[in-house]
Amino acid sequence: MAGSTLASPSVEPTAPGQSVSVSPTRETWRRFRRHRLAMVSTAVLGLLVIGVLVGPLFWPVPINEIDFAAQLEGPSWAHPFGTDDLGQDLLARMIYGGRISLAVGLAAMVVSTVVGVMVGALAGMSRRALDPFLMWVTDLFLSLPQLPLLLLVIYLFREQLKAVFGVEGGVFVLIVIVIGGLRWMPVARLVRAQFLSLREKEFVEAARAAGATRWRQTVHHILPNAVGPVIVASSIEVSSAIIAESTLSFLGLGFPPDIPTWGRLLFDAKDYLDVAPHSALFPGAAIFLTVLAINFIGDGLRDALDPRRVV
């Protein structure tokens, strides 16, 4: 019939003015996909993670295999990333060290996020003296010089934790606790601000009027609505923790010399930059790409989780 249109069999017709409901997860994914740098960064970070996890299956070279005849060789078919001053394969050592660096970043992020959310939630829900005290503690930690404090704590407690958890495990636990314990303050301030704003909203007032306890208000009503900024802040904390671990390893106070984290590889390469720049180029590029990718993913999450942003 002239002037008539056929409805698509896969789309249900809707009444004029009726909106199609979209799940929050699908809407967040749609917003995130529109951030091209975030999508590219997700692919880059995914390749790095897959590379350090399954890399030993495709490149089963021992990380401590010494070949003095191949000292400081450049990239080749036998050694795609070259070798270090002892003739050890840099690709194998970077694969092994990448797992440690990424694990430190993620574990320190979990510690800082958990502590920050707890402190921020307690401060945001408190209407009495607890809020000023917690914010005073937060400001106190913010005023502390982080790098000297990191060095002091690691120097004082490294041997005790090594005796309990072993050499590698003790240093890992210490670095995660120290980095995470000194990075929770921005998350706490962010969560507190979100709680102060959300606890006065109508849906929280309705839950309070219905007899909901303060715990239920916090867990079931306020915290789910404050999780967006927390996720964004946590993604940034991963990159900060990786940089902090690399700095400690570069200064020689991180993992032992036989554990090749990316920062330790940079520390070992500093004396050979004029004759073997590749020994610093590849671990430095890995740190740079990881941190840059995580930062762009955080930007994409910020845009995707912002309800005021129209995309």
Protein backbone atom coordinates (compact mmCIF):
# COMPACT_ATOMS: atom_id res chain seq x y z
CA MET A 1 0.00 0.00 0.00
CA ALA A 2 1.31 3.40 -0.97
CA GLY A 3 2.75 5.41 1.89
CA SER A 4 2.83 2.50 4.31
CA THR A 5 5.98 1.15 5.97
CA LEU A 6 6.73 -2.35 7.16
CA ALA A 7 7.87 -2.82 10.75
CA SER A 8 11.07 -4.76 11.25
CA PRO A 9 10.32 -8.22 12.64
CA SER A 10 13.26 -7.92 15.09
CA VAL A 11 12.14 -4.65 16.67
CA GLU A 12 9.00 -4.41 18.75
CA PRO A 13 6.93 -1.30 18.01
CA THR A 14 6.63 1.19 20.83
CA ALA A 15 3.97 3.75 21.52
CA PRO A 16 4.77 7.39 20.72
CA GLY A 17 6.81 8.92 23.55
CA GLN A 18 7.53 5.52 25.11
CA SER A 19 11.24 5.02 25.87
CA VAL A 20 13.01 1.70 25.42
CA SER A 21 14.56 0.56 28.71
CA VAL A 22 18.30 -0.11 28.55
CA SER A 23 20.19 -1.86 31.33
CA PRO A 24 22.78 0.26 33.17
CA THR A 25 25.54 -2.19 32.23
CA ARG A 26 24.72 -1.94 28.51
CA GLU A 27 24.49 1.84 28.68
CA THR A 28 27.84 2.04 30.47
CA TRP A 29 29.43 -0.20 27.84
CA ARG A 30 27.94 1.93 25.05
CA ARG A 31 29.39 5.07 26.59
CA PHE A 32 32.77 3.42 27.14
CA ARG A 33 32.97 2.21 23.53
CA ARG A 34 32.61 5.77 22.29
CA HIS A 35 35.88 6.69 24.04
CA ARG A 36 38.30 5.52 21.35
CA LEU A 37 41.47 6.03 23.38
CA ALA A 38 39.97 3.97 26.20
CA MET A 39 39.13 1.14 23.79
CA VAL A 40 42.61 1.18 22.27
CA SER A 41 44.13 1.28 25.75
CA THR A 42 41.99 -1.69 26.82
CA ALA A 43 43.32 -3.67 23.87
CA VAL A 44 46.93 -2.67 24.64
CA LEU A 45 46.60 -3.52 28.33
CA GLY A 46 44.90 -6.80 27.47
CA LEU A 47 47.77 -7.75 25.15
CA LEU A 48 50.29 -6.92 27.88
CA VAL A 49 48.42 -9.00 30.45
CA ILE A 50 48.03 -11.94 28.07
CA GLY A 51 51.69 -11.63 27.11
CA VAL A 52 52.99 -11.88 30.68
CA LEU A 53 50.56 -14.69 31.57
CA VAL A 54 51.00 -17.01 28.58
CA GLY A 55 54.38 -15.73 27.39
CA PRO A 56 56.39 -18.54 29.05
CA LEU A 57 54.44 -21.08 27.00
CA PHE A 58 55.74 -19.54 23.77
CA TRP A 59 59.13 -18.32 25.04
CA PRO A 60 60.32 -20.92 27.60
CA VAL A 61 63.75 -19.42 28.19
CA PRO A 62 64.98 -19.51 31.82
CA ILE A 63 65.28 -16.05 33.30
CA ASN A 64 68.59 -16.86 35.03
CA GLU A 65 70.33 -18.56 32.12
CA ILE A 66 73.70 -16.81 31.84
CA ASP A 67 75.61 -16.62 28.55
CA PHE A 68 78.74 -14.49 28.83
CA ALA A 69 79.29 -14.82 25.09
CA ALA A 70 76.06 -12.87 24.45
CA GLN A 71 76.54 -9.96 26.86
CA LEU A 72 74.64 -6.77 25.99
CA GLU A 73 73.59 -8.02 22.57
CA GLY A 74 70.97 -6.06 20.68
CA PRO A 75 67.63 -7.45 19.52
CA SER A 76 67.98 -10.50 17.30
CA TRP A 77 66.09 -13.65 16.35
CA ALA A 78 67.73 -15.50 19.21
CA HIS A 79 66.97 -12.69 21.68
CA PRO A 80 64.10 -10.46 20.42
CA PHE A 81 64.65 -7.88 23.19
CA GLY A 82 68.41 -8.38 23.42
CA THR A 83 70.39 -9.43 26.48
CA ASP A 84 71.66 -7.79 29.66
CA ASP A 85 75.19 -7.50 31.07
CA LEU A 86 75.18 -11.21 32.02
CA GLY A 87 73.84 -12.42 28.70
CA GLN A 88 70.40 -13.16 30.13
CA ASP A 89 67.44 -12.96 27.78
CA LEU A 90 65.54 -9.71 28.36
CA LEU A 91 62.26 -10.93 26.86
CA ALA A 92 62.04 -13.81 29.32
CA ARG A 93 62.95 -11.54 32.23
CA MET A 94 60.38 -8.93 31.17
CA ILE A 95 57.65 -11.56 30.95
CA TYR A 96 58.48 -12.76 34.46
CA GLY A 97 58.83 -9.24 35.86
CA GLY A 98 55.61 -8.06 34.22
CA ARG A 99 53.56 -10.49 36.27
CA ILE A 100 55.10 -9.12 39.47
CA SER A 101 54.68 -5.46 38.51
CA LEU A 102 51.04 -5.91 37.46
CA ALA A 103 50.28 -8.02 40.54
CA VAL A 104 51.76 -5.35 42.81
CA GLY A 105 49.68 -2.67 41.07
CA LEU A 106 46.42 -4.59 41.37
CA ALA A 107 47.00 -5.75 44.95
CA ALA A 108 48.02 -2.27 46.13
CA MET A 109 44.94 -0.85 44.40
CA VAL A 110 42.71 -3.29 46.30
CA VAL A 111 44.32 -2.31 49.62
CA SER A 112 44.05 1.42 48.99
CA THR A 113 40.47 1.15 47.69
CA VAL A 114 39.22 -0.96 50.61
CA VAL A 115 40.82 1.29 53.22
CA GLY A 116 39.71 4.45 51.41
CA VAL A 117 36.10 3.28 51.04
CA MET A 118 35.89 2.28 54.70
CA VAL A 119 37.34 5.56 55.98
CA GLY A 120 35.31 7.68 53.54
CA ALA A 121 32.07 5.84 54.30
CA LEU A 122 32.54 6.17 58.06
CA ALA A 123 33.34 9.86 57.71
CA GLY A 124 30.47 10.50 55.31
CA MET A 125 27.86 8.78 57.45
CA SER A 126 29.07 10.25 60.74
CA ARG A 127 27.43 13.43 61.91
CA ARG A 128 29.52 13.88 65.05
CA ALA A 129 33.19 13.96 66.05
CA LEU A 130 34.20 10.90 63.97
CA ASP A 131 34.14 12.80 60.68
CA PRO A 132 36.57 15.56 61.77
CA PHE A 133 38.90 12.98 63.34
CA LEU A 134 39.01 10.77 60.25
CA MET A 135 39.58 13.75 57.99
CA TRP A 136 42.35 14.92 60.32
CA VAL A 137 44.01 11.51 59.97
CA THR A 138 43.56 11.68 56.20
CA ASP A 139 45.14 15.13 56.01
CA LEU A 140 47.97 13.89 58.22
CA PHE A 141 48.75 11.04 55.83
CA LEU A 142 48.48 13.40 52.86
CA SER A 143 51.10 15.68 54.40
CA LEU A 144 53.63 12.87 54.86
CA PRO A 145 56.42 12.65 52.24
CA GLN A 146 55.60 9.35 50.60
CA LEU A 147 58.90 8.30 49.02
CA PRO A 148 61.08 8.83 52.15
CA LEU A 149 58.42 7.09 54.25
CA LEU A 150 58.32 4.18 51.81
CA LEU A 151 62.08 3.84 52.00
CA LEU A 152 62.08 4.00 55.81
CA VAL A 153 59.32 1.40 56.29
CA ILE A 154 60.87 -1.00 53.80
CA TYR A 155 64.29 -0.61 55.42
CA LEU A 156 62.86 -1.30 58.91
CA PHE A 157 60.52 -4.22 58.22
CA ARG A 158 61.89 -5.96 55.12
CA GLU A 159 63.94 -8.60 56.97
CA GLN A 160 61.12 -9.50 59.38
CA LEU A 161 58.65 -10.13 56.57
CA LYS A 162 61.24 -12.09 54.59
CA ALA A 163 61.58 -14.44 57.55
CA VAL A 164 57.81 -15.01 57.63
CA PHE A 165 56.80 -15.09 53.93
CA GLY A 166 60.09 -15.88 52.24
CA VAL A 167 62.27 -13.57 50.18
CA GLU A 168 59.92 -12.89 47.27
CA GLY A 169 56.69 -13.19 49.25
CA GLY A 170 57.90 -10.97 52.07
CA VAL A 171 58.95 -8.16 49.76
CA PHE A 172 55.69 -8.48 47.82
CA VAL A 173 53.55 -8.25 50.96
CA LEU A 174 55.59 -5.34 52.30
CA ILE A 175 55.47 -3.33 49.07
CA VAL A 176 51.74 -3.92 48.61
CA ILE A 177 50.92 -2.92 52.20
CA VAL A 178 53.18 0.13 52.15
CA ILE A 179 52.06 1.42 48.75
CA GLY A 180 48.39 0.66 49.39
CA GLY A 181 48.59 2.06 52.91
CA LEU A 182 49.90 5.37 51.61
CA ARG A 183 47.52 5.73 48.66
CA TRP A 184 44.08 5.45 50.28
CA MET A 185 43.63 9.14 51.11
CA PRO A 186 42.31 10.41 47.72
CA VAL A 187 39.79 7.55 47.64
CA ALA A 188 38.66 8.34 51.20
CA ARG A 189 38.10 12.02 50.41
CA LEU A 190 36.21 11.12 47.23
CA VAL A 191 33.97 8.60 48.98
CA ARG A 192 33.28 11.02 51.83
CA ALA A 193 32.20 13.72 49.38
CA GLN A 194 29.92 11.26 47.59
CA PHE A 195 28.37 10.11 50.87
CA LEU A 196 27.77 13.67 52.09
CA SER A 197 25.91 14.40 48.86
CA LEU A 198 23.98 11.15 48.52
CA ARG A 199 22.80 10.80 52.11
CA GLU A 200 20.52 13.82 51.65
CA LYS A 201 18.89 12.50 48.47
CA GLU A 202 15.23 11.59 48.35
CA PHE A 203 15.73 7.82 47.97
CA VAL A 204 17.93 7.72 51.09
CA GLU A 205 15.38 9.82 53.00
CA ALA A 206 12.67 7.38 51.90
CA ALA A 207 14.74 4.40 53.08
CA ARG A 208 15.38 6.13 56.39
CA ALA A 209 11.69 6.87 56.80
CA ALA A 210 10.89 3.22 56.06
CA GLY A 211 13.04 2.19 59.01
CA ALA A 212 16.25 1.19 57.24
CA THR A 213 19.24 1.01 59.56
CA ARG A 214 22.32 3.12 58.89
CA TRP A 215 24.18 -0.01 57.75
CA ARG A 216 21.45 -0.82 55.23
CA GLN A 217 21.39 2.78 54.01
CA THR A 218 25.13 2.66 53.46
CA VAL A 219 25.41 -0.77 51.82
CA HIS A 220 22.20 -0.96 49.81
CA HIS A 221 21.48 2.65 48.87
CA ILE A 222 24.46 5.00 49.11
CA LEU A 223 27.50 2.85 48.29
CA PRO A 224 26.11 1.45 44.98
CA ASN A 225 25.48 5.00 43.79
CA ALA A 226 28.99 6.12 44.79
CA VAL A 227 30.83 3.22 43.17
CA GLY A 228 31.34 4.97 39.80
CA PRO A 229 33.90 7.56 40.95
CA VAL A 230 35.53 4.91 43.15
CA ILE A 231 36.12 2.65 40.13
CA VAL A 232 37.69 5.54 38.24
CA ALA A 233 39.94 6.45 41.18
CA SER A 234 40.93 2.81 41.63
CA SER A 235 42.03 2.51 38.02
CA ILE A 236 44.36 5.46 38.54
CA GLU A 237 45.72 3.86 41.72
CA VAL A 238 46.92 0.84 39.70
CA SER A 239 49.21 3.02 37.59
CA SER A 240 50.42 4.92 40.66
CA ALA A 241 51.28 1.65 42.42
CA ILE A 242 53.19 0.35 39.37
CA ILE A 243 55.20 3.57 39.23
CA ALA A 244 55.89 3.41 42.99
CA GLU A 245 57.07 -0.20 42.77
CA SER A 246 59.26 0.63 39.77
CA THR A 247 60.75 3.57 41.69
CA LEU A 248 61.56 1.38 44.70
CA SER A 249 63.11 -1.30 42.49
CA PHE A 250 65.08 1.34 40.59
CA LEU A 251 66.47 2.63 43.90
CA GLY A 252 67.46 -0.91 44.87
CA LEU A 253 64.97 -1.21 47.76
CA GLY A 254 62.32 -3.29 46.03
CA PHE A 255 62.60 -6.93 45.06
CA PRO A 256 66.00 -8.69 45.22
CA PRO A 257 68.32 -8.45 42.19
CA ASP A 258 67.48 -11.98 41.01
CA ILE A 259 63.77 -11.08 40.68
CA PRO A 260 63.56 -9.03 37.47
CA THR A 261 60.69 -6.58 37.86
CA TRP A 262 60.43 -3.85 35.24
CA GLY A 263 61.85 -1.29 37.67
CA ARG A 264 64.72 -3.60 38.57
CA LEU A 265 65.55 -4.07 34.89
CA LEU A 266 65.77 -0.29 34.54
CA PHE A 267 68.06 -0.15 37.57
CA ASP A 268 70.35 -2.81 36.08
CA ALA A 269 70.43 -1.03 32.71
CA LYS A 270 71.42 2.43 33.96
CA ASP A 271 75.17 1.70 33.72
CA TYR A 272 74.99 0.49 30.12
CA LEU A 273 72.84 3.13 28.43
CA ASP A 274 75.67 4.23 26.14
CA VAL A 275 76.46 0.73 24.82
CA ALA A 276 73.11 -1.08 25.23
CA PRO A 277 70.20 1.38 25.25
CA HIS A 278 67.79 -1.44 24.44
CA SER A 279 68.21 -2.82 27.98
CA ALA A 280 66.42 0.27 29.33
CA LEU A 281 64.18 0.99 26.34
CA PHE A 282 62.03 -2.14 26.53
CA PRO A 283 61.23 -2.18 30.29
CA GLY A 284 60.74 1.59 30.23
CA ALA A 285 58.35 1.26 27.28
CA ALA A 286 56.43 -1.49 29.11
CA ILE A 287 55.96 0.73 32.18
CA PHE A 288 55.02 3.69 29.98
CA LEU A 289 52.45 1.76 27.94
CA THR A 290 50.90 0.13 31.01
CA VAL A 291 50.52 3.38 32.94
CA LEU A 292 49.27 5.29 29.90
CA ALA A 293 46.74 2.59 29.03
CA ILE A 294 45.40 2.46 32.60
CA ASN A 295 45.07 6.25 32.71
CA PHE A 296 43.10 6.32 29.44
CA ILE A 297 40.90 3.48 30.68
CA GLY A 298 40.23 5.55 33.78
CA ASP A 299 39.22 8.49 31.59
CA GLY A 300 36.85 6.25 29.67
CA LEU A 301 35.31 4.89 32.86
CA ARG A 302 34.87 8.42 34.16
CA ASP A 303 32.90 9.40 31.07
CA ALA A 304 30.93 6.14 31.00
CA LEU A 305 29.92 6.26 34.66
CA ASP A 306 29.07 9.96 34.80
CA PRO A 307 25.24 10.18 34.78
CA ARG A 308 25.34 13.89 33.96
CA ARG A 309 27.23 13.33 30.72
CA VAL A 310 25.05 13.01 27.63
CA VAL A 311 26.62 10.75 24.99
